[in-house]
């Protein structure tokens, strides 16, 4: 899990650097896919922002050996993390490959 957090952090840094250089990229299609894009994008952005501190807290609990509270918190944090990861790939595919 530590390597997954490291990879996620590296992706976040590369994402922020890219968007600092390029800016915001609007969705280019004005067809039936546009509402689907926003239905995926909006919860992705909200949950990614809300989940980040909980991921750090969950990781910190595990690193300090507090496994019981770590498990209780991870029960909620991990599924959100998976959703954010998968929806991020879907957003990328819709934005750049559709």
C-alpha atoms as a PDB file:
ATOM      1  CA  UNK A   1       0.000   0.000   0.000  1.00  0.00           C
ATOM      2  CA  UNK A   2       2.889   2.355   0.617  1.00  0.00           C
ATOM      3  CA  UNK A   3       3.960   1.973  -3.002  1.00  0.00           C
ATOM      4  CA  UNK A   4       0.372   2.672  -4.127  1.00  0.00           C
ATOM      5  CA  UNK A   5       0.363   5.888  -2.090  1.00  0.00           C
ATOM      6  CA  UNK A   6       3.742   6.871  -3.558  1.00  0.00           C
ATOM      7  CA  UNK A   7       2.544   6.233  -7.117  1.00  0.00           C
ATOM      8  CA  UNK A   8      -0.645   8.215  -6.406  1.00  0.00           C
ATOM      9  CA  UNK A   9       1.387  11.097  -4.992  1.00  0.00           C
ATOM     10  CA  UNK A  10       3.701  11.091  -8.014  1.00  0.00           C
ATOM     11  CA  UNK A  11       0.690  11.120 -10.314  1.00  0.00           C
ATOM     12  CA  UNK A  12      -0.844  14.031  -8.390  1.00  0.00           C
ATOM     13  CA  UNK A  13       2.383  16.025  -8.697  1.00  0.00           C
ATOM     14  CA  UNK A  14       2.639  15.312 -12.435  1.00  0.00           C
ATOM     15  CA  UNK A  15      -1.052  16.200 -12.874  1.00  0.00           C
ATOM     16  CA  UNK A  16      -0.611  19.528 -11.081  1.00  0.00           C
ATOM     17  CA  UNK A  17       2.566  20.394 -13.017  1.00  0.00           C
ATOM     18  CA  UNK A  18       0.869  19.532 -16.327  1.00  0.00           C
ATOM     19  CA  UNK A  19      -2.217  21.615 -15.598  1.00  0.00           C
ATOM     20  CA  UNK A  20      -0.114  24.487 -14.333  1.00  0.00           C
ATOM     21  CA  UNK A  21       1.647  24.533 -17.704  1.00  0.00           C
ATOM     22  CA  UNK A  22      -1.335  23.768 -19.961  1.00  0.00           C
ATOM     23  CA  UNK A  23      -4.255  25.134 -17.992  1.00  0.00           C
ATOM     24  CA  UNK A  24      -7.779  23.822 -18.009  1.00  0.00           C
ATOM     25  CA  UNK A  25      -8.755  21.553 -20.901  1.00  0.00           C
ATOM     26  CA  UNK A  26     -12.464  21.861 -21.796  1.00  0.00           C
ATOM     27  CA  UNK A  27     -14.412  18.811 -22.890  1.00  0.00           C
ATOM     28  CA  UNK A  28     -14.332  19.015 -26.713  1.00  0.00           C
ATOM     29  CA  UNK A  29     -17.518  17.114 -27.577  1.00  0.00           C
ATOM     30  CA  UNK A  30     -21.038  18.531 -27.622  1.00  0.00           C
ATOM     31  CA  UNK A  31     -22.911  15.271 -28.009  1.00  0.00           C
ATOM     32  CA  UNK A  32     -24.522  12.639 -25.779  1.00  0.00           C
ATOM     33  CA  UNK A  33     -21.167  11.959 -24.050  1.00  0.00           C
ATOM     34  CA  UNK A  34     -20.930  15.446 -22.513  1.00  0.00           C
ATOM     35  CA  UNK A  35     -23.412  14.847 -19.645  1.00  0.00           C
ATOM     36  CA  UNK A  36     -21.785  11.481 -18.928  1.00  0.00           C
ATOM     37  CA  UNK A  37     -18.395  13.176 -18.741  1.00  0.00           C
ATOM     38  CA  UNK A  38     -19.641  15.648 -16.141  1.00  0.00           C
ATOM     39  CA  UNK A  39     -21.493  12.945 -14.171  1.00  0.00           C
ATOM     40  CA  UNK A  40     -18.137  11.167 -13.819  1.00  0.00           C
ATOM     41  CA  UNK A  41     -15.994  14.305 -13.413  1.00  0.00           C
ATOM     42  CA  UNK A  42     -17.912  16.076 -10.637  1.00  0.00           C
ATOM     43  CA  UNK A  43     -17.894  13.247  -8.047  1.00  0.00           C
ATOM     44  CA  UNK A  44     -14.307  12.429  -9.051  1.00  0.00           C
ATOM     45  CA  UNK A  45     -13.106  15.941  -8.209  1.00  0.00           C
ATOM     46  CA  UNK A  46     -15.120  16.218  -4.987  1.00  0.00           C
ATOM     47  CA  UNK A  47     -14.168  12.780  -3.678  1.00  0.00           C
ATOM     48  CA  UNK A  48     -10.507  13.182  -4.644  1.00  0.00           C
ATOM     49  CA  UNK A  49     -10.279  16.383  -2.631  1.00  0.00           C
ATOM     50  CA  UNK A  50     -12.147  14.978   0.357  1.00  0.00           C
ATOM     51  CA  UNK A  51     -10.345  11.646   0.364  1.00  0.00           C
ATOM     52  CA  UNK A  52      -6.755  12.936   0.284  1.00  0.00           C
ATOM     53  CA  UNK A  53      -6.481  13.842   3.994  1.00  0.00           C
ATOM     54  CA  UNK A  54      -8.228  10.615   4.979  1.00  0.00           C
ATOM     55  CA  UNK A  55      -5.724   8.635   2.919  1.00  0.00           C
ATOM     56  CA  UNK A  56      -2.871  10.316   4.751  1.00  0.00           C
ATOM     57  CA  UNK A  57      -4.528   9.676   8.106  1.00  0.00           C
ATOM     58  CA  UNK A  58      -5.118   6.017   7.232  1.00  0.00           C
ATOM     59  CA  UNK A  59      -1.507   5.606   6.115  1.00  0.00           C
ATOM     60  CA  UNK A  60      -0.246   7.342   9.253  1.00  0.00           C
ATOM     61  CA  UNK A  61      -2.264   5.031  11.491  1.00  0.00           C
ATOM     62  CA  UNK A  62      -0.828   1.970   9.769  1.00  0.00           C
ATOM     63  CA  UNK A  63       2.738   3.270   9.940  1.00  0.00           C
ATOM     64  CA  UNK A  64       2.368   3.912  13.686  1.00  0.00           C
ATOM     65  CA  UNK A  65       1.044   0.385  14.203  1.00  0.00           C
ATOM     66  CA  UNK A  66      -2.493   1.448  15.152  1.00  0.00           C
ATOM     67  CA  UNK A  67      -4.109  -1.264  13.055  1.00  0.00           C
ATOM     68  CA  UNK A  68      -7.569  -1.307  14.599  1.00  0.00           C
ATOM     69  CA  UNK A  69      -8.408   2.345  13.805  1.00  0.00           C
ATOM     70  CA  UNK A  70      -6.562   1.937  10.501  1.00  0.00           C
ATOM     71  CA  UNK A  71      -8.878  -0.929   9.487  1.00  0.00           C
ATOM     72  CA  UNK A  72     -12.006   0.964  10.557  1.00  0.00           C
ATOM     73  CA  UNK A  73     -11.031   4.017   8.510  1.00  0.00           C
ATOM     74  CA  UNK A  74      -9.676   2.059   5.526  1.00  0.00           C
ATOM     75  CA  UNK A  75     -13.045   0.327   5.187  1.00  0.00           C
ATOM     76  CA  UNK A  76     -14.400   3.658   3.887  1.00  0.00           C
ATOM     77  CA  UNK A  77     -11.300   5.299   2.426  1.00  0.00           C
ATOM     78  CA  UNK A  78     -10.171   2.449   0.166  1.00  0.00           C
ATOM     79  CA  UNK A  79     -13.382   2.158  -1.935  1.00  0.00           C
ATOM     80  CA  UNK A  80     -13.386   5.923  -2.488  1.00  0.00           C
ATOM     81  CA  UNK A  81      -9.724   5.754  -3.515  1.00  0.00           C
ATOM     82  CA  UNK A  82     -10.532   3.009  -6.018  1.00  0.00           C
ATOM     83  CA  UNK A  83     -13.460   5.037  -7.414  1.00  0.00           C
ATOM     84  CA  UNK A  84     -11.268   8.124  -7.800  1.00  0.00           C
ATOM     85  CA  UNK A  85      -8.559   6.078  -9.524  1.00  0.00           C
ATOM     86  CA  UNK A  86     -10.904   4.356 -11.964  1.00  0.00           C
ATOM     87  CA  UNK A  87     -12.951   7.474 -12.687  1.00  0.00           C
ATOM     88  CA  UNK A  88      -9.712   9.370 -13.347  1.00  0.00           C
ATOM     89  CA  UNK A  89      -8.816   6.892 -16.067  1.00  0.00           C
ATOM     90  CA  UNK A  90     -12.337   7.180 -17.520  1.00  0.00           C
ATOM     91  CA  UNK A  91     -12.067  10.980 -17.526  1.00  0.00           C
ATOM     92  CA  UNK A  92      -8.682  10.827 -19.254  1.00  0.00           C
ATOM     93  CA  UNK A  93     -10.014   8.440 -21.913  1.00  0.00           C
ATOM     94  CA  UNK A  94     -13.086  10.579 -22.536  1.00  0.00           C
ATOM     95  CA  UNK A  95     -11.099  13.814 -22.677  1.00  0.00           C
ATOM     96  CA  UNK A  96      -8.132  12.747 -24.784  1.00  0.00           C
ATOM     97  CA  UNK A  97      -9.054   9.510 -26.591  1.00  0.00           C
ATOM     98  CA  UNK A  98     -12.748   9.749 -27.446  1.00  0.00           C
END
